[in-house]
């Protein structure tokens, strides 16, 4: 950091307004987003956040992935401090403000946001994807590496295999195999996009297990955190 203090690095280009939103506001805002037609989507904005909890700092990163070019065309980072510590099932409260802050600098009309986390596939139907949809008023696809509950995988090992996941009120998402013979991911929506469109977009954007917009955003966030700390700390 060239002699710059860690506190200064966090303050510079930091996100304002990372405070936690009340649950009622989140649900209401996410429900108001109109459903997007996948044919009109040109880019996917992948977002992720890397943390160093011992220092109380984080780096949010966003990557604009172009569907036609099939690659990243823009990226951005923001530094800051998480508003709350991590608690199981509460990633939305911790990460949504940071992820939304970096996404706002990249997103434009017709984009879909994609995050590393759950959306409706959450005990309260209010995972990170729902929080992001509410804050951004944009369609959000949520892609999680693990299910909330450690169910045994039900899909076949072939790319594109899908297993619907439901709660007592109905369908909340799917287990999806994005590549042959790799572990599945768990896809749900945050708002503004159908589950079928979300599945199609995730498969389209996946070269490996994790869709490219999210995979590249994760790399960018970790790189930014490493540069800020001067080492390889990450969450």
Protein backbone atom coordinates (compact mmCIF):
# COMPACT_ATOMS: atom_id res chain seq x y z
CA UNK A 1 0.00 0.00 0.00
CA UNK A 2 3.05 2.24 -0.31
CA UNK A 3 3.11 3.29 3.36
CA UNK A 4 -0.59 4.12 3.44
CA UNK A 5 -2.34 3.14 6.67
CA UNK A 6 -4.89 0.34 6.62
CA UNK A 7 -7.52 2.72 8.02
CA UNK A 8 -6.88 5.15 5.17
CA UNK A 9 -7.16 2.34 2.64
CA UNK A 10 -10.52 1.34 4.06
CA UNK A 11 -11.80 4.92 4.09
CA UNK A 12 -10.76 5.74 0.53
CA UNK A 13 -13.41 4.67 -2.02
CA UNK A 14 -15.43 3.13 0.78
CA UNK A 15 -19.13 2.38 0.52
CA UNK A 16 -21.61 4.60 2.31
CA UNK A 17 -25.02 3.31 3.29
CA UNK A 18 -24.00 -0.24 4.14
CA UNK A 19 -26.43 -0.33 7.05
CA UNK A 20 -28.77 -3.29 7.45
CA UNK A 21 -32.30 -2.81 6.07
CA UNK A 22 -35.37 -3.89 8.07
CA UNK A 23 -36.72 -7.26 6.90
CA UNK A 24 -40.13 -5.84 6.00
CA UNK A 25 -38.58 -3.28 3.63
CA UNK A 26 -36.44 -5.94 1.97
CA UNK A 27 -39.36 -8.24 1.23
CA UNK A 28 -41.60 -5.46 -0.07
CA UNK A 29 -38.93 -3.96 -2.34
CA UNK A 30 -37.91 -7.31 -3.86
CA UNK A 31 -41.51 -8.18 -4.69
CA UNK A 32 -41.98 -4.95 -6.66
CA UNK A 33 -39.35 -5.75 -9.31
CA UNK A 34 -40.90 -6.66 -12.70
CA UNK A 35 -39.79 -9.93 -14.26
CA UNK A 36 -37.16 -9.47 -16.97
CA UNK A 37 -37.23 -11.20 -20.37
CA UNK A 38 -33.97 -13.15 -20.67
CA UNK A 39 -33.75 -12.30 -24.39
CA UNK A 40 -33.23 -8.65 -23.45
CA UNK A 41 -30.32 -9.31 -21.06
CA UNK A 42 -26.95 -8.27 -22.48
CA UNK A 43 -24.75 -8.47 -19.37
CA UNK A 44 -24.54 -10.21 -16.02
CA UNK A 45 -23.05 -8.27 -13.11
CA UNK A 46 -21.28 -10.70 -10.81
CA UNK A 47 -20.66 -9.49 -7.25
CA UNK A 48 -18.81 -10.89 -4.27
CA UNK A 49 -17.15 -9.69 -1.07
CA UNK A 50 -13.88 -10.81 0.58
CA UNK A 51 -13.31 -10.26 4.30
CA UNK A 52 -10.52 -10.05 6.82
CA UNK A 53 -12.49 -10.42 10.04
CA UNK A 54 -9.44 -9.97 12.26
CA UNK A 55 -9.01 -6.47 10.82
CA UNK A 56 -12.73 -5.74 10.46
CA UNK A 57 -12.40 -4.87 6.77
CA UNK A 58 -13.80 -6.08 3.46
CA UNK A 59 -13.46 -5.56 -0.28
CA UNK A 60 -16.52 -5.76 -2.52
CA UNK A 61 -15.93 -6.50 -6.20
CA UNK A 62 -18.15 -6.44 -9.24
CA UNK A 63 -17.54 -7.78 -12.74
CA UNK A 64 -19.65 -7.05 -15.82
CA UNK A 65 -19.81 -10.23 -17.92
CA UNK A 66 -20.97 -9.73 -21.50
CA UNK A 67 -23.20 -12.48 -22.90
CA UNK A 68 -22.13 -11.89 -26.50
CA UNK A 69 -18.42 -11.59 -25.76
CA UNK A 70 -18.63 -14.34 -23.14
CA UNK A 71 -16.17 -12.54 -20.93
CA UNK A 72 -15.63 -9.72 -18.46
CA UNK A 73 -15.73 -6.21 -19.95
CA UNK A 74 -15.61 -4.08 -16.76
CA UNK A 75 -14.75 -4.51 -13.10
CA UNK A 76 -14.86 -2.40 -9.97
CA UNK A 77 -13.94 -2.60 -6.27
CA UNK A 78 -14.99 -0.84 -3.09
CA UNK A 79 -13.40 -1.07 0.36
CA UNK A 80 -15.20 -0.83 3.66
CA UNK A 81 -16.21 -2.31 6.99
CA UNK A 82 -18.96 -4.93 7.36
CA UNK A 83 -21.94 -3.56 9.33
CA UNK A 84 -22.40 -6.78 11.34
CA UNK A 85 -20.44 -9.92 12.10
CA UNK A 86 -21.29 -13.14 10.27
CA UNK A 87 -24.10 -15.30 11.58
CA UNK A 88 -25.45 -18.43 9.91
CA UNK A 89 -28.33 -17.59 7.58
CA UNK A 90 -27.68 -13.84 7.85
CA UNK A 91 -25.30 -13.25 4.93
CA UNK A 92 -27.79 -10.80 3.41
CA UNK A 93 -27.60 -8.48 6.40
CA UNK A 94 -23.79 -8.59 6.36
CA UNK A 95 -23.04 -8.41 2.65
CA UNK A 96 -25.93 -6.80 0.77
CA UNK A 97 -24.90 -3.20 1.32
CA UNK A 98 -21.35 -3.84 0.17
CA UNK A 99 -22.33 -5.91 -2.85
CA UNK A 100 -25.04 -3.43 -3.87
CA UNK A 101 -22.59 -0.55 -3.52
CA UNK A 102 -20.14 -1.99 -6.01
CA UNK A 103 -22.90 -3.20 -8.35
CA UNK A 104 -24.36 0.30 -8.66
CA UNK A 105 -21.19 1.47 -10.39
CA UNK A 106 -21.58 -1.18 -13.11
CA UNK A 107 -25.25 -2.01 -13.56
CA UNK A 108 -27.42 -0.50 -16.28
CA UNK A 109 -30.87 -1.12 -17.66
CA UNK A 110 -31.31 -4.68 -18.83
CA UNK A 111 -28.53 -6.16 -16.68
CA UNK A 112 -29.03 -9.06 -14.29
CA UNK A 113 -27.04 -9.24 -11.07
CA UNK A 114 -25.58 -12.57 -9.92
CA UNK A 115 -24.30 -13.20 -6.39
CA UNK A 116 -22.59 -15.91 -4.38
CA UNK A 117 -25.30 -16.88 -1.92
CA UNK A 118 -28.95 -17.84 -1.60
CA UNK A 119 -32.08 -15.96 -2.65
CA UNK A 120 -35.48 -17.48 -1.93
CA UNK A 121 -33.76 -20.75 -1.01
CA UNK A 122 -33.44 -19.60 2.59
CA UNK A 123 -35.29 -20.51 5.82
CA UNK A 124 -37.03 -17.12 5.74
CA UNK A 125 -37.04 -16.83 1.92
CA UNK A 126 -34.75 -13.85 2.33
CA UNK A 127 -31.17 -14.69 1.43
CA UNK A 128 -28.52 -12.37 0.03
CA UNK A 129 -30.11 -12.38 -3.44
CA UNK A 130 -33.39 -11.01 -2.08
CA UNK A 131 -31.55 -8.27 -0.16
CA UNK A 132 -29.65 -7.30 -3.32
CA UNK A 133 -32.77 -7.22 -5.47
CA UNK A 134 -34.44 -4.96 -2.92
CA UNK A 135 -31.52 -2.51 -2.74
CA UNK A 136 -30.81 -2.39 -6.46
CA UNK A 137 -34.35 -2.75 -7.82
CA UNK A 138 -32.81 -5.12 -10.37
CA UNK A 139 -33.27 -8.81 -11.22
CA UNK A 140 -30.94 -10.99 -9.15
CA UNK A 141 -29.84 -14.61 -9.56
CA UNK A 142 -28.36 -16.24 -6.45
CA UNK A 143 -25.86 -19.09 -6.82
CA UNK A 144 -24.72 -20.83 -3.63
CA UNK A 145 -21.98 -23.43 -3.29
CA UNK A 146 -23.80 -25.28 -0.52
CA UNK A 147 -27.44 -25.84 0.46
CA UNK A 148 -28.77 -24.30 3.66
CA UNK A 149 -29.44 -27.83 4.89
CA UNK A 150 -26.87 -30.51 4.10
CA UNK A 151 -29.06 -32.64 1.91
CA UNK A 152 -27.41 -35.40 -0.10
CA UNK A 153 -27.08 -34.47 -3.78
CA UNK A 154 -29.99 -35.78 -5.87
CA UNK A 155 -28.89 -34.78 -9.37
CA UNK A 156 -27.05 -36.99 -11.84
CA UNK A 157 -23.42 -36.14 -12.61
CA UNK A 158 -24.20 -34.75 -16.08
CA UNK A 159 -24.08 -31.02 -16.84
CA UNK A 160 -27.55 -29.49 -16.80
CA UNK A 161 -29.06 -31.99 -14.36
CA UNK A 162 -31.62 -30.30 -12.11
CA UNK A 163 -33.38 -31.21 -8.89
CA UNK A 164 -36.15 -28.92 -7.64
CA UNK A 165 -35.99 -27.84 -4.01
CA UNK A 166 -39.15 -26.81 -2.17
CA UNK A 167 -40.23 -25.63 1.25
CA UNK A 168 -43.68 -25.91 2.83
CA UNK A 169 -44.95 -23.03 0.68
CA UNK A 170 -43.62 -24.19 -2.69
CA UNK A 171 -40.56 -24.20 -4.95
CA UNK A 172 -37.64 -22.08 -3.73
CA UNK A 173 -34.84 -23.10 -6.11
CA UNK A 174 -32.88 -25.95 -7.64
CA UNK A 175 -29.79 -28.04 -7.26
CA UNK A 176 -27.99 -27.66 -10.60
CA UNK A 177 -25.02 -29.46 -12.12
CA UNK A 178 -23.07 -26.81 -14.09
CA UNK A 179 -20.37 -29.15 -15.41
CA UNK A 180 -19.91 -32.88 -15.76
CA UNK A 181 -18.77 -34.72 -12.65
CA UNK A 182 -18.45 -31.65 -10.40
CA UNK A 183 -20.40 -30.85 -7.25
CA UNK A 184 -23.72 -29.07 -7.93
CA UNK A 185 -24.57 -25.47 -7.10
CA UNK A 186 -27.82 -24.18 -5.62
CA UNK A 187 -29.70 -21.66 -7.73
CA UNK A 188 -32.57 -19.43 -6.62
CA UNK A 189 -33.83 -15.97 -7.42
CA UNK A 190 -33.82 -12.75 -5.48
CA UNK A 191 -36.51 -11.05 -7.53
CA UNK A 192 -37.23 -9.86 -11.05
CA UNK A 193 -36.41 -13.07 -12.93
CA UNK A 194 -38.03 -16.49 -13.28
CA UNK A 195 -36.33 -19.58 -11.91
CA UNK A 196 -36.20 -21.13 -15.39
CA UNK A 197 -34.44 -18.04 -16.77
CA UNK A 198 -32.05 -18.08 -13.81
CA UNK A 199 -31.12 -21.72 -14.53
CA UNK A 200 -30.57 -20.95 -18.20
CA UNK A 201 -28.37 -17.96 -17.41
CA UNK A 202 -26.27 -19.88 -14.87
CA UNK A 203 -25.63 -22.71 -17.32
CA UNK A 204 -24.79 -20.28 -20.11
CA UNK A 205 -22.25 -18.45 -17.94
CA UNK A 206 -20.56 -21.56 -16.51
CA UNK A 207 -17.25 -22.82 -17.85
CA UNK A 208 -16.47 -24.54 -14.57
CA UNK A 209 -18.56 -25.26 -11.48
CA UNK A 210 -19.11 -21.60 -10.51
CA UNK A 211 -20.60 -19.24 -13.15
CA UNK A 212 -18.01 -16.89 -14.62
CA UNK A 213 -19.51 -13.59 -13.36
CA UNK A 214 -19.39 -14.79 -9.74
CA UNK A 215 -16.08 -16.65 -10.10
CA UNK A 216 -14.37 -13.57 -11.55
CA UNK A 217 -15.90 -11.27 -8.92
CA UNK A 218 -14.59 -13.58 -6.20
CA UNK A 219 -11.10 -13.45 -7.70
CA UNK A 220 -11.25 -9.66 -7.96
CA UNK A 221 -12.42 -9.24 -4.36
CA UNK A 222 -9.70 -11.54 -3.01
CA UNK A 223 -7.08 -9.75 -5.07
CA UNK A 224 -8.21 -6.39 -3.72
CA UNK A 225 -8.15 -7.62 -0.13
CA UNK A 226 -4.70 -9.12 -0.58
CA UNK A 227 -3.39 -5.84 -2.01
CA UNK A 228 -4.91 -3.85 0.85
CA UNK A 229 -3.46 -6.13 3.52
CA UNK A 230 -0.19 -6.82 1.78
CA UNK A 231 -0.69 -10.56 2.22
CA UNK A 232 -3.09 -13.39 1.34
CA UNK A 233 -5.76 -13.06 4.08
CA UNK A 234 -9.28 -13.77 2.90
CA UNK A 235 -12.55 -14.88 4.44
